[in-house]
Amino acid sequence: MLTPRFLALSSAAVLTVSALLTVAATAPDAPLASSPVQPTPAPVVATKKIGVSIPAADHGWTAGVVWWAKECSKLHPEIEWTIATAETPEKQVSDIETLMAKKVDALVILATESAPITPVAEEAHNRGILVINVDRGFLKPVADIFIEGDNKAFGRKSAEFMVSKLGGKGKATGNIIVLEGIPCTVNTDRVTAALEVFKAEPGIKIVGQQAANWNRQKALEVTETLLQKSGKVTAIWASDDDMALGAEQALREKGVEGVWILGGAGMKDIIKRVMDKDPMFPGDVTYPPSMIATGMELAAGVLNGDKRAEKMRYMPQHLMIDVDLVTPANAAKYYFPASVY
């Protein structure tokens, strides 16, 4: 049984707490006495420096590369990132020299062109900087890790698809224009593999072949010239979706009908047209620009924890990303309308 003294003290305690709550409620900025004070999070201090040297967004695929690089950098506040974009090989060499002067711990490089970037990449490697090469390979094995899409498969699969559309292996017939990209290992692998397939088909003739540098406007101009010189054309092997759109514009401006195009790289606009069974674009080949983020993640992973030498013992020196043939049957799987590319 409770004593009167206990009841009196309890009532007093309730009144005291009630008074405190009333005061707290009338003070707009005063926290409750029982609320713990939340500590201010300490700012993340960058401990490593990584430079990312990539081509400027001069066409859709490289725009995707720039977008993915920026997105990936947000995931690692513990890294001091510097993302440099270059319109020319000369600018990219200068960018890389500047990054080396900043004493970066790693470089992630997607070359504008293979040959002119190889010497400066070799210099970085010789200085002990971790070098991750993405997509367009160097002409010497100076990268610690090389990440690329399977460009030989790109060329082979795209050419085999064209052969099947032109009548099938051993029966295919048609006149084809070939559009090449920027001089680099990517272009060499794609074109060489495609031509091997075409040359095995006696009924297929390459009636025009020229570089359009993976650029839509350049592809428009080159296609217009080749259409004038080549006579009847059945199809265009464009090897890139931006060039495919430039070739399409040339066909329309010249009033040429019945020619279809095979591009590549998985631009969302082209994938949608494949999905919708547009006769101009019966297929496509994937080639994800997000591979730049793969290279950045590897660089961050190797450097974090200050155990680079130990981690490099089990890191692959060469990573190859497969490419897929896109047709109306599977195009929905590769269609991402919210993507930048």
C-alpha atoms as a PDB file:
ATOM      1  CA  MET A   1       0.000   0.000   0.000  1.00  0.00           C
ATOM      2  CA  LEU A   2       1.425   3.376  -1.004  1.00  0.00           C
ATOM      3  CA  THR A   3       2.037   5.929   1.750  1.00  0.00           C
ATOM      4  CA  PRO A   4       0.775   9.527   1.498  1.00  0.00           C
ATOM      5  CA  ARG A   5       4.428  10.744   1.335  1.00  0.00           C
ATOM      6  CA  PHE A   6       5.067   8.574  -1.750  1.00  0.00           C
ATOM      7  CA  LEU A   7       1.892   9.809  -3.393  1.00  0.00           C
ATOM      8  CA  ALA A   8       2.829  13.410  -2.667  1.00  0.00           C
ATOM      9  CA  LEU A   9       6.316  12.949  -4.143  1.00  0.00           C
ATOM     10  CA  SER A  10       4.893  11.227  -7.200  1.00  0.00           C
ATOM     11  CA  SER A  11       2.465  14.038  -7.815  1.00  0.00           C
ATOM     12  CA  ALA A  12       5.227  16.572  -7.438  1.00  0.00           C
ATOM     13  CA  ALA A  13       7.419  14.639  -9.863  1.00  0.00           C
ATOM     14  CA  VAL A  14       4.603  14.495 -12.426  1.00  0.00           C
ATOM     15  CA  LEU A  15       4.013  18.197 -12.092  1.00  0.00           C
ATOM     16  CA  THR A  16       7.747  18.915 -12.480  1.00  0.00           C
ATOM     17  CA  VAL A  17       8.023  16.806 -15.653  1.00  0.00           C
ATOM     18  CA  SER A  18       4.817  18.358 -16.977  1.00  0.00           C
ATOM     19  CA  ALA A  19       6.222  21.819 -16.375  1.00  0.00           C
ATOM     20  CA  LEU A  20       9.450  20.935 -18.191  1.00  0.00           C
ATOM     21  CA  LEU A  21       7.525  19.574 -21.178  1.00  0.00           C
ATOM     22  CA  THR A  22       5.401  22.741 -21.228  1.00  0.00           C
ATOM     23  CA  VAL A  23       8.498  24.925 -21.262  1.00  0.00           C
ATOM     24  CA  ALA A  24      10.011  22.792 -24.016  1.00  0.00           C
ATOM     25  CA  ALA A  25       6.846  23.014 -26.079  1.00  0.00           C
ATOM     26  CA  THR A  26       6.764  26.804 -25.809  1.00  0.00           C
ATOM     27  CA  ALA A  27      10.442  27.091 -26.865  1.00  0.00           C
ATOM     28  CA  PRO A  28      10.397  26.405 -30.598  1.00  0.00           C
ATOM     29  CA  ASP A  29      14.094  25.622 -30.939  1.00  0.00           C
ATOM     30  CA  ALA A  30      14.675  23.836 -27.645  1.00  0.00           C
ATOM     31  CA  PRO A  31      15.186  20.050 -27.915  1.00  0.00           C
ATOM     32  CA  LEU A  32      13.514  17.685 -25.452  1.00  0.00           C
ATOM     33  CA  ALA A  33      15.639  16.952 -22.444  1.00  0.00           C
ATOM     34  CA  SER A  34      15.516  13.244 -23.236  1.00  0.00           C
ATOM     35  CA  SER A  35      16.669  13.653 -26.904  1.00  0.00           C
ATOM     36  CA  PRO A  36      20.311  12.703 -27.389  1.00  0.00           C
ATOM     37  CA  VAL A  37      22.505  15.250 -29.115  1.00  0.00           C
ATOM     38  CA  GLN A  38      23.393  13.952 -32.581  1.00  0.00           C
ATOM     39  CA  PRO A  39      27.095  14.338 -33.324  1.00  0.00           C
ATOM     40  CA  THR A  40      28.026  16.190 -36.506  1.00  0.00           C
ATOM     41  CA  PRO A  41      29.472  13.690 -38.981  1.00  0.00           C
ATOM     42  CA  ALA A  42      33.140  14.213 -39.580  1.00  0.00           C
ATOM     43  CA  PRO A  43      33.901  15.292 -43.165  1.00  0.00           C
ATOM     44  CA  VAL A  44      35.374  12.600 -45.366  1.00  0.00           C
ATOM     45  CA  VAL A  45      39.010  13.375 -46.034  1.00  0.00           C
ATOM     46  CA  ALA A  46      40.299  12.283 -49.432  1.00  0.00           C
ATOM     47  CA  THR A  47      43.393  10.139 -48.989  1.00  0.00           C
ATOM     48  CA  LYS A  48      44.074   9.150 -52.609  1.00  0.00           C
ATOM     49  CA  LYS A  49      44.120  11.027 -55.916  1.00  0.00           C
ATOM     50  CA  ILE A  50      42.812   9.477 -59.132  1.00  0.00           C
ATOM     51  CA  GLY A  51      42.809  11.185 -62.502  1.00  0.00           C
ATOM     52  CA  VAL A  52      40.292  10.184 -65.175  1.00  0.00           C
ATOM     53  CA  SER A  53      41.277  11.160 -68.721  1.00  0.00           C
ATOM     54  CA  ILE A  54      38.562  10.646 -71.329  1.00  0.00           C
ATOM     55  CA  PRO A  55      37.453  12.012 -74.700  1.00  0.00           C
ATOM     56  CA  ALA A  56      35.070  14.957 -74.732  1.00  0.00           C
ATOM     57  CA  ALA A  57      31.394  14.208 -75.393  1.00  0.00           C
ATOM     58  CA  ASP A  58      31.667  14.587 -79.161  1.00  0.00           C
ATOM     59  CA  HIS A  59      29.070  11.892 -79.854  1.00  0.00           C
ATOM     60  CA  GLY A  60      26.490   9.854 -77.957  1.00  0.00           C
ATOM     61  CA  TRP A  61      28.746   7.076 -76.703  1.00  0.00           C
ATOM     62  CA  THR A  62      31.408   9.393 -75.294  1.00  0.00           C
ATOM     63  CA  ALA A  63      28.642  11.506 -73.727  1.00  0.00           C
ATOM     64  CA  GLY A  64      27.651   8.309 -71.937  1.00  0.00           C
ATOM     65  CA  VAL A  65      31.259   7.805 -70.836  1.00  0.00           C
ATOM     66  CA  VAL A  66      31.404  11.307 -69.325  1.00  0.00           C
ATOM     67  CA  TRP A  67      28.072  10.777 -67.538  1.00  0.00           C
ATOM     68  CA  TRP A  68      29.120   7.424 -66.036  1.00  0.00           C
ATOM     69  CA  ALA A  69      32.474   8.832 -64.909  1.00  0.00           C
ATOM     70  CA  LYS A  70      30.773  11.637 -62.999  1.00  0.00           C
ATOM     71  CA  GLU A  71      28.242   9.259 -61.468  1.00  0.00           C
ATOM     72  CA  CYS A  72      30.936   6.849 -60.287  1.00  0.00           C
ATOM     73  CA  SER A  73      33.026   9.606 -58.707  1.00  0.00           C
ATOM     74  CA  LYS A  74      30.092  10.457 -56.409  1.00  0.00           C
ATOM     75  CA  LEU A  75      30.291   7.003 -54.835  1.00  0.00           C
ATOM     76  CA  HIS A  76      33.807   7.547 -53.484  1.00  0.00           C
ATOM     77  CA  PRO A  77      34.183  10.752 -51.451  1.00  0.00           C
ATOM     78  CA  GLU A  78      37.338   9.241 -49.953  1.00  0.00           C
ATOM     79  CA  ILE A  79      38.997   9.724 -53.357  1.00  0.00           C
ATOM     80  CA  GLU A  80      40.068  13.080 -54.792  1.00  0.00           C
ATOM     81  CA  TRP A  81      38.870  12.696 -58.377  1.00  0.00           C
ATOM     82  CA  THR A  82      39.918  14.829 -61.320  1.00  0.00           C
ATOM     83  CA  ILE A  83      37.944  14.157 -64.521  1.00  0.00           C
ATOM     84  CA  ALA A  84      39.526  15.712 -67.607  1.00  0.00           C
ATOM     85  CA  THR A  85      37.910  15.614 -71.053  1.00  0.00           C
ATOM     86  CA  ALA A  86      39.823  16.193 -74.288  1.00  0.00           C
ATOM     87  CA  GLU A  87      38.723  16.969 -77.836  1.00  0.00           C
ATOM     88  CA  THR A  88      42.082  15.997 -79.367  1.00  0.00           C
ATOM     89  CA  PRO A  89      45.008  13.654 -78.613  1.00  0.00           C
ATOM     90  CA  GLU A  90      47.219  16.711 -78.038  1.00  0.00           C
ATOM     91  CA  LYS A  91      44.854  18.027 -75.367  1.00  0.00           C
ATOM     92  CA  GLN A  92      44.664  14.594 -73.750  1.00  0.00           C
ATOM     93  CA  VAL A  93      48.465  14.282 -73.564  1.00  0.00           C
ATOM     94  CA  SER A  94      48.560  17.712 -71.881  1.00  0.00           C
ATOM     95  CA  ASP A  95      45.779  16.664 -69.472  1.00  0.00           C
ATOM     96  CA  ILE A  96      47.649  13.522 -68.447  1.00  0.00           C
ATOM     97  CA  GLU A  97      50.880  15.464 -67.926  1.00  0.00           C
ATOM     98  CA  THR A  98      48.979  17.895 -65.691  1.00  0.00           C
ATOM     99  CA  LEU A  99      47.485  15.008 -63.703  1.00  0.00           C
ATOM    100  CA  MET A 100      50.940  13.503 -63.208  1.00  0.00           C
ATOM    101  CA  ALA A 101      52.181  16.885 -61.953  1.00  0.00           C
ATOM    102  CA  LYS A 102      49.373  16.794 -59.360  1.00  0.00           C
ATOM    103  CA  LYS A 103      50.909  13.518 -58.155  1.00  0.00           C
ATOM    104  CA  VAL A 104      47.886  11.335 -58.750  1.00  0.00           C
ATOM    105  CA  ASP A 105      48.072   7.798 -57.412  1.00  0.00           C
ATOM    106  CA  ALA A 106      46.215   6.334 -60.400  1.00  0.00           C
ATOM    107  CA  LEU A 107      45.122   7.206 -63.918  1.00  0.00           C
ATOM    108  CA  VAL A 108      42.035   5.808 -65.648  1.00  0.00           C
ATOM    109  CA  ILE A 109      42.506   6.502 -69.354  1.00  0.00           C
ATOM    110  CA  LEU A 110      40.161   6.089 -72.295  1.00  0.00           C
ATOM    111  CA  ALA A 111      42.308   7.258 -75.201  1.00  0.00           C
ATOM    112  CA  THR A 112      41.123   9.667 -77.863  1.00  0.00           C
ATOM    113  CA  GLU A 113      43.426   7.707 -80.185  1.00  0.00           C
ATOM    114  CA  SER A 114      45.666   4.776 -79.322  1.00  0.00           C
ATOM    115  CA  ALA A 115      49.016   5.745 -80.879  1.00  0.00           C
ATOM    116  CA  PRO A 116      49.537   9.317 -79.575  1.00  0.00           C
ATOM    117  CA  ILE A 117      48.434   8.469 -76.020  1.00  0.00           C
ATOM    118  CA  THR A 118      50.656   5.385 -75.605  1.00  0.00           C
ATOM    119  CA  PRO A 119      53.933   7.265 -74.828  1.00  0.00           C
ATOM    120  CA  VAL A 120      52.466   9.431 -72.056  1.00  0.00           C
ATOM    121  CA  ALA A 121      50.696   6.401 -70.564  1.00  0.00           C
ATOM    122  CA  GLU A 122      54.034   4.585 -70.563  1.00  0.00           C
ATOM    123  CA  GLU A 123      55.631   7.535 -68.777  1.00  0.00           C
ATOM    124  CA  ALA A 124      52.935   7.405 -66.084  1.00  0.00           C
ATOM    125  CA  HIS A 125      53.470   3.663 -65.674  1.00  0.00           C
ATOM    126  CA  ASN A 126      57.230   4.145 -65.319  1.00  0.00           C
ATOM    127  CA  ARG A 127      56.618   6.704 -62.563  1.00  0.00           C
ATOM    128  CA  GLY A 128      54.779   4.067 -60.546  1.00  0.00           C
ATOM    129  CA  ILE A 129      51.297   5.470 -61.164  1.00  0.00           C
ATOM    130  CA  LEU A 130      48.579   2.802 -61.358  1.00  0.00           C
ATOM    131  CA  VAL A 131      47.323   2.878 -64.962  1.00  0.00           C
ATOM    132  CA  ILE A 132      43.884   1.524 -65.893  1.00  0.00           C
ATOM    133  CA  ASN A 133      43.278   1.544 -69.649  1.00  0.00           C
ATOM    134  CA  VAL A 134      39.638   1.452 -70.801  1.00  0.00           C
ATOM    135  CA  ASP A 135      38.256   0.599 -74.258  1.00  0.00           C
ATOM    136  CA  ARG A 136      40.812   1.999 -76.729  1.00  0.00           C
ATOM    137  CA  GLY A 137      43.969   0.031 -76.046  1.00  0.00           C
ATOM    138  CA  PHE A 138      47.513   1.364 -75.988  1.00  0.00           C
ATOM    139  CA  LEU A 139      49.973   0.108 -78.584  1.00  0.00           C
ATOM    140  CA  LYS A 140      52.310  -1.218 -75.872  1.00  0.00           C
ATOM    141  CA  PRO A 141      51.446  -3.226 -72.733  1.00  0.00           C
ATOM    142  CA  VAL A 142      51.940  -0.327 -70.307  1.00  0.00           C
ATOM    143  CA  ALA A 143      48.613  -0.558 -68.442  1.00  0.00           C
ATOM    144  CA  ASP A 144      48.348  -2.397 -65.131  1.00  0.00           C
ATOM    145  CA  ILE A 145      44.769  -3.373 -66.056  1.00  0.00           C
ATOM    146  CA  PHE A 146      43.116  -3.181 -69.485  1.00  0.00           C
ATOM    147  CA  ILE A 147      39.298  -3.215 -69.718  1.00  0.00           C
ATOM    148  CA  GLU A 148      37.626  -3.424 -73.106  1.00  0.00           C
ATOM    149  CA  GLY A 149      34.548  -4.594 -74.901  1.00  0.00           C
ATOM    150  CA  ASP A 150      35.002  -7.611 -77.147  1.00  0.00           C
ATOM    151  CA  ASN A 151      35.442  -5.671 -80.371  1.00  0.00           C
ATOM    152  CA  LYS A 152      36.386  -8.711 -82.442  1.00  0.00           C
ATOM    153  CA  ALA A 153      33.080 -10.278 -81.391  1.00  0.00           C
ATOM    154  CA  PHE A 154      31.388  -6.950 -82.179  1.00  0.00           C
ATOM    155  CA  GLY A 155      32.687  -7.067 -85.744  1.00  0.00           C
ATOM    156  CA  ARG A 156      32.027 -10.774 -86.191  1.00  0.00           C
ATOM    157  CA  LYS A 157      28.500 -10.833 -84.725  1.00  0.00           C
ATOM    158  CA  SER A 158      27.396  -7.723 -86.609  1.00  0.00           C
ATOM    159  CA  ALA A 159      28.741  -9.051 -89.924  1.00  0.00           C
ATOM    160  CA  GLU A 160      27.191 -12.489 -89.395  1.00  0.00           C
ATOM    161  CA  PHE A 161      23.857 -10.799 -88.723  1.00  0.00           C
ATOM    162  CA  MET A 162      24.148  -8.865 -91.986  1.00  0.00           C
ATOM    163  CA  VAL A 163      25.013 -12.061 -93.847  1.00  0.00           C
ATOM    164  CA  SER A 164      21.916 -13.734 -92.453  1.00  0.00           C
ATOM    165  CA  LYS A 165      19.771 -10.754 -93.552  1.00  0.00           C
ATOM    166  CA  LEU A 166      21.281 -10.864 -97.030  1.00  0.00           C
ATOM    167  CA  GLY A 167      20.419 -14.487 -97.692  1.00  0.00           C
ATOM    168  CA  GLY A 168      22.383 -16.610 -95.262  1.00  0.00           C
ATOM    169  CA  LYS A 169      25.845 -18.116 -95.135  1.00  0.00           C
ATOM    170  CA  GLY A 170      27.037 -19.182 -98.586  1.00  0.00           C
ATOM    171  CA  LYS A 171      24.005 -17.592-100.263  1.00  0.00           C
ATOM    172  CA  ALA A 172      24.250 -13.970 -99.208  1.00  0.00           C
ATOM    173  CA  THR A 173      24.310 -11.275-101.892  1.00  0.00           C
ATOM    174  CA  GLY A 174      24.490  -7.507-101.669  1.00  0.00           C
ATOM    175  CA  ASN A 175      26.569  -4.353-101.980  1.00  0.00           C
ATOM    176  CA  ILE A 176      27.773  -2.990 -98.643  1.00  0.00           C
ATOM    177  CA  ILE A 177      29.243   0.323 -97.501  1.00  0.00           C
ATOM    178  CA  VAL A 178      31.606   0.090 -94.503  1.00  0.00           C
ATOM    179  CA  LEU A 179      31.998   3.088 -92.173  1.00  0.00           C
ATOM    180  CA  GLU A 180      35.053   3.044 -89.924  1.00  0.00           C
ATOM    181  CA  GLY A 181      35.697   4.882 -86.664  1.00  0.00           C
ATOM    182  CA  ILE A 182      38.683   6.729 -85.180  1.00  0.00           C
ATOM    183  CA  PRO A 183      42.085   5.060 -85.767  1.00  0.00           C
ATOM    184  CA  CYS A 184      42.586   2.891 -82.677  1.00  0.00           C
ATOM    185  CA  THR A 185      42.541  -0.725 -81.556  1.00  0.00           C
ATOM    186  CA  VAL A 186      38.740  -0.678 -81.203  1.00  0.00           C
ATOM    187  CA  ASN A 187      38.209   0.248 -84.837  1.00  0.00           C
ATOM    188  CA  THR A 188      40.898  -2.153 -86.083  1.00  0.00           C
ATOM    189  CA  ASP A 189      39.409  -5.119 -84.221  1.00  0.00           C
ATOM    190  CA  ARG A 190      35.835  -4.381 -85.330  1.00  0.00           C
ATOM    191  CA  VAL A 191      36.615  -3.776 -88.993  1.00  0.00           C
ATOM    192  CA  THR A 192      39.084  -6.647 -89.371  1.00  0.00           C
ATOM    193  CA  ALA A 193      36.654  -9.160 -87.852  1.00  0.00           C
ATOM    194  CA  ALA A 194      33.740  -7.915 -89.955  1.00  0.00           C
ATOM    195  CA  LEU A 195      35.689  -7.974 -93.212  1.00  0.00           C
ATOM    196  CA  GLU A 196      36.782 -11.557 -92.556  1.00  0.00           C
ATOM    197  CA  VAL A 197      33.108 -12.579 -92.456  1.00  0.00           C
ATOM    198  CA  PHE A 198      32.187 -10.562 -95.546  1.00  0.00           C
ATOM    199  CA  LYS A 199      35.148 -11.853 -97.576  1.00  0.00           C
ATOM    200  CA  ALA A 200      33.986 -15.428 -96.997  1.00  0.00           C
ATOM    201  CA  GLU A 201      30.794 -14.611 -98.915  1.00  0.00           C
ATOM    202  CA  PRO A 202      31.377 -14.406-102.701  1.00  0.00           C
ATOM    203  CA  GLY A 203      28.020 -12.703-103.226  1.00  0.00           C
ATOM    204  CA  ILE A 204      28.835  -9.764-100.956  1.00  0.00           C
ATOM    205  CA  LYS A 205      30.778  -6.806-102.334  1.00  0.00           C
ATOM    206  CA  ILE A 206      32.270  -3.924-100.331  1.00  0.00           C
ATOM    207  CA  VAL A 207      31.492  -1.012-102.659  1.00  0.00           C
ATOM    208  CA  GLY A 208      32.688   1.748-100.317  1.00  0.00           C
ATOM    209  CA  GLN A 209      34.833   1.967 -97.189  1.00  0.00           C
ATOM    210  CA  GLN A 210      35.932   5.100 -95.338  1.00  0.00           C
ATOM    211  CA  ALA A 211      36.480   6.475 -91.818  1.00  0.00           C
ATOM    212  CA  ALA A 212      33.731   8.662 -90.348  1.00  0.00           C
ATOM    213  CA  ASN A 213      35.281   8.848 -86.858  1.00  0.00           C
ATOM    214  CA  TRP A 214      32.168   7.711 -84.961  1.00  0.00           C
ATOM    215  CA  ASN A 215      30.711  11.142 -85.665  1.00  0.00           C
ATOM    216  CA  ARG A 216      27.185  11.735 -86.975  1.00  0.00           C
ATOM    217  CA  GLN A 217      27.990  14.761 -89.158  1.00  0.00           C
ATOM    218  CA  LYS A 218      31.107  13.127 -90.564  1.00  0.00           C
ATOM    219  CA  ALA A 219      29.123   9.966 -91.332  1.00  0.00           C
ATOM    220  CA  LEU A 220      26.524  12.066 -93.173  1.00  0.00           C
ATOM    221  CA  GLU A 221      29.210  13.612 -95.384  1.00  0.00           C
ATOM    222  CA  VAL A 222      31.111  10.346 -95.982  1.00  0.00           C
ATOM    223  CA  THR A 223      27.942   8.401 -96.794  1.00  0.00           C
ATOM    224  CA  GLU A 224      26.809  11.044 -99.273  1.00  0.00           C
ATOM    225  CA  THR A 225      30.170  10.762-101.063  1.00  0.00           C
ATOM    226  CA  LEU A 226      30.173   6.964-101.060  1.00  0.00           C
ATOM    227  CA  LEU A 227      26.594   6.787-102.356  1.00  0.00           C
ATOM    228  CA  GLN A 228      27.612   8.869-105.352  1.00  0.00           C
ATOM    229  CA  LYS A 229      30.610   6.635-106.101  1.00  0.00           C
ATOM    230  CA  SER A 230      29.215   3.221-105.248  1.00  0.00           C
ATOM    231  CA  GLY A 231      26.132   2.831-107.400  1.00  0.00           C
ATOM    232  CA  LYS A 232      23.524   0.470-105.995  1.00  0.00           C
ATOM    233  CA  VAL A 233      23.854  -0.159-102.229  1.00  0.00           C
ATOM    234  CA  THR A 234      22.004  -2.831-100.264  1.00  0.00           C
ATOM    235  CA  ALA A 235      23.089  -2.134 -96.687  1.00  0.00           C
ATOM    236  CA  ILE A 236      25.485  -0.051 -94.579  1.00  0.00           C
ATOM    237  CA  TRP A 237      27.723  -1.533 -91.885  1.00  0.00           C
ATOM    238  CA  ALA A 238      28.085   1.562 -89.713  1.00  0.00           C
ATOM    239  CA  SER A 239      29.802   0.004 -86.663  1.00  0.00           C
ATOM    240  CA  ASP A 240      28.409   2.757 -84.391  1.00  0.00           C
ATOM    241  CA  ASP A 241      24.955   4.192 -83.704  1.00  0.00           C
ATOM    242  CA  ASP A 242      25.937   7.839 -84.166  1.00  0.00           C
ATOM    243  CA  MET A 243      27.385   7.019 -87.567  1.00  0.00           C
ATOM    244  CA  ALA A 244      24.266   4.992 -88.340  1.00  0.00           C
ATOM    245  CA  LEU A 245      22.100   8.063 -87.777  1.00  0.00           C
ATOM    246  CA  GLY A 246      24.368  10.139 -89.997  1.00  0.00           C
ATOM    247  CA  ALA A 247      24.140   7.495 -92.715  1.00  0.00           C
ATOM    248  CA  GLU A 248      20.355   7.447 -92.386  1.00  0.00           C
ATOM    249  CA  GLN A 249      20.212  11.211 -92.868  1.00  0.00           C
ATOM    250  CA  ALA A 250      22.336  10.892 -96.013  1.00  0.00           C
ATOM    251  CA  LEU A 251      19.994   8.257 -97.425  1.00  0.00           C
ATOM    252  CA  ARG A 252      16.962  10.456 -96.780  1.00  0.00           C
ATOM    253  CA  GLU A 253      18.555  13.582 -98.236  1.00  0.00           C
ATOM    254  CA  LYS A 254      19.585  11.656-101.354  1.00  0.00           C
ATOM    255  CA  GLY A 255      16.159  10.044-101.646  1.00  0.00           C
ATOM    256  CA  VAL A 256      17.654   6.536-101.507  1.00  0.00           C
ATOM    257  CA  GLU A 257      15.179   3.847-100.422  1.00  0.00           C
ATOM    258  CA  GLY A 258      15.443   0.174 -99.574  1.00  0.00           C
ATOM    259  CA  VAL A 259      18.847   0.422 -97.829  1.00  0.00           C
ATOM    260  CA  TRP A 260      19.096  -0.704 -94.211  1.00  0.00           C
ATOM    261  CA  ILE A 261      21.770   0.031 -91.602  1.00  0.00           C
ATOM    262  CA  LEU A 262      23.499  -1.848 -88.795  1.00  0.00           C
ATOM    263  CA  GLY A 263      25.130   0.384 -86.203  1.00  0.00           C
ATOM    264  CA  GLY A 264      26.274  -0.570 -82.732  1.00  0.00           C
ATOM    265  CA  ALA A 265      26.813   0.445 -79.083  1.00  0.00           C
ATOM    266  CA  GLY A 266      23.213   0.295 -77.858  1.00  0.00           C
ATOM    267  CA  MET A 267      22.000   3.893 -78.161  1.00  0.00           C
ATOM    268  CA  LYS A 268      18.503   3.978 -76.647  1.00  0.00           C
ATOM    269  CA  ASP A 269      16.994   5.652 -79.738  1.00  0.00           C
ATOM    270  CA  ILE A 270      18.290   2.889 -82.005  1.00  0.00           C
ATOM    271  CA  ILE A 271      17.289   0.120 -79.582  1.00  0.00           C
ATOM    272  CA  LYS A 272      13.756   1.543 -79.539  1.00  0.00           C
ATOM    273  CA  ARG A 273      13.601   1.416 -83.318  1.00  0.00           C
ATOM    274  CA  VAL A 274      14.843  -2.171 -83.328  1.00  0.00           C
ATOM    275  CA  MET A 275      12.190  -2.989 -80.744  1.00  0.00           C
ATOM    276  CA  ASP A 276       9.549  -1.336 -82.936  1.00  0.00           C
ATOM    277  CA  LYS A 277      10.747  -3.375 -85.973  1.00  0.00           C
ATOM    278  CA  ASP A 278      11.821  -0.351 -87.985  1.00  0.00           C
ATOM    279  CA  PRO A 279      13.079  -1.794 -91.313  1.00  0.00           C
ATOM    280  CA  MET A 280      15.908   0.787 -91.391  1.00  0.00           C
ATOM    281  CA  PHE A 281      17.406  -0.710 -88.194  1.00  0.00           C
ATOM    282  CA  PRO A 282      16.782  -4.478 -87.989  1.00  0.00           C
ATOM    283  CA  GLY A 283      19.401  -5.005 -85.275  1.00  0.00           C
ATOM    284  CA  ASP A 284      22.162  -3.529 -83.129  1.00  0.00           C
ATOM    285  CA  VAL A 285      25.153  -4.618 -81.016  1.00  0.00           C
ATOM    286  CA  THR A 286      25.732  -3.596 -77.385  1.00  0.00           C
ATOM    287  CA  TYR A 287      28.841  -1.777 -76.152  1.00  0.00           C
ATOM    288  CA  PRO A 288      28.302  -0.160 -72.720  1.00  0.00           C
ATOM    289  CA  PRO A 289      29.880   3.246 -71.961  1.00  0.00           C
ATOM    290  CA  SER A 290      29.611   2.322 -68.268  1.00  0.00           C
ATOM    291  CA  MET A 291      32.896   0.422 -68.640  1.00  0.00           C
ATOM    292  CA  ILE A 292      34.662   3.663 -67.630  1.00  0.00           C
ATOM    293  CA  ALA A 293      33.017   3.299 -64.200  1.00  0.00           C
ATOM    294  CA  THR A 294      34.288  -0.281 -64.020  1.00  0.00           C
ATOM    295  CA  GLY A 295      37.819   1.037 -64.470  1.00  0.00           C
ATOM    296  CA  MET A 296      37.313   3.716 -61.828  1.00  0.00           C
ATOM    297  CA  GLU A 297      35.932   1.187 -59.345  1.00  0.00           C
ATOM    298  CA  LEU A 298      38.952  -1.046 -59.879  1.00  0.00           C
ATOM    299  CA  ALA A 299      41.350   1.854 -59.357  1.00  0.00           C
ATOM    300  CA  ALA A 300      39.600   2.876 -56.127  1.00  0.00           C
ATOM    301  CA  GLY A 301      39.513  -0.710 -54.885  1.00  0.00           C
ATOM    302  CA  VAL A 302      43.208  -1.287 -55.516  1.00  0.00           C
ATOM    303  CA  LEU A 303      44.291   1.952 -53.829  1.00  0.00           C
ATOM    304  CA  ASN A 304      42.009   1.930 -50.779  1.00  0.00           C
ATOM    305  CA  GLY A 305      43.656   0.349 -47.765  1.00  0.00           C
ATOM    306  CA  ASP A 306      47.222   1.009 -48.900  1.00  0.00           C
ATOM    307  CA  LYS A 307      47.762  -2.573 -50.047  1.00  0.00           C
ATOM    308  CA  ARG A 308      48.205  -2.000 -53.761  1.00  0.00           C
ATOM    309  CA  ALA A 309      50.982  -4.563 -54.260  1.00  0.00           C
ATOM    310  CA  GLU A 310      49.085  -7.310 -52.443  1.00  0.00           C
ATOM    311  CA  LYS A 311      45.837  -6.593 -54.306  1.00  0.00           C
ATOM    312  CA  MET A 312      47.522  -6.491 -57.708  1.00  0.00           C
ATOM    313  CA  ARG A 313      48.721 -10.049 -57.185  1.00  0.00           C
ATOM    314  CA  TYR A 314      45.209 -11.330 -57.855  1.00  0.00           C
ATOM    315  CA  MET A 315      43.891  -8.600 -60.157  1.00  0.00           C
ATOM    316  CA  PRO A 316      43.376  -9.622 -63.805  1.00  0.00           C
ATOM    317  CA  GLN A 317      45.533  -7.722 -66.268  1.00  0.00           C
ATOM    318  CA  HIS A 318      42.889  -7.927 -68.986  1.00  0.00           C
ATOM    319  CA  LEU A 319      39.110  -7.795 -68.623  1.00  0.00           C
ATOM    320  CA  MET A 320      36.907  -8.241 -71.687  1.00  0.00           C
ATOM    321  CA  ILE A 321      33.206  -7.324 -71.631  1.00  0.00           C
ATOM    322  CA  ASP A 322      31.031  -9.417 -73.929  1.00  0.00           C
ATOM    323  CA  VAL A 323      28.783  -7.813 -76.536  1.00  0.00           C
ATOM    324  CA  ASP A 324      25.277  -8.945 -77.442  1.00  0.00           C
ATOM    325  CA  LEU A 325      23.360  -8.939 -80.695  1.00  0.00           C
ATOM    326  CA  VAL A 326      20.108  -6.989 -80.317  1.00  0.00           C
ATOM    327  CA  THR A 327      17.097  -8.005 -82.405  1.00  0.00           C
ATOM    328  CA  PRO A 328      13.353  -7.243 -82.150  1.00  0.00           C
ATOM    329  CA  ALA A 329      12.994 -10.435 -80.097  1.00  0.00           C
ATOM    330  CA  ASN A 330      15.224  -9.253 -77.245  1.00  0.00           C
ATOM    331  CA  ALA A 331      15.477  -5.457 -77.700  1.00  0.00           C
ATOM    332  CA  ALA A 332      13.242  -4.664 -74.709  1.00  0.00           C
ATOM    333  CA  LYS A 333      15.936  -6.159 -72.454  1.00  0.00           C
ATOM    334  CA  TYR A 334      18.411  -3.505 -73.629  1.00  0.00           C
ATOM    335  CA  TYR A 335      16.077  -0.499 -73.745  1.00  0.00           C
ATOM    336  CA  PHE A 336      16.635   2.032 -70.949  1.00  0.00           C
ATOM    337  CA  PRO A 337      14.621   5.195 -71.767  1.00  0.00           C
ATOM    338  CA  ALA A 338      16.021   7.149 -68.797  1.00  0.00           C
ATOM    339  CA  SER A 339      19.619   6.572 -69.900  1.00  0.00           C
ATOM    340  CA  VAL A 340      21.698   9.489 -71.145  1.00  0.00           C
ATOM    341  CA  TYR A 341      22.677   7.338 -74.143  1.00  0.00           C
END
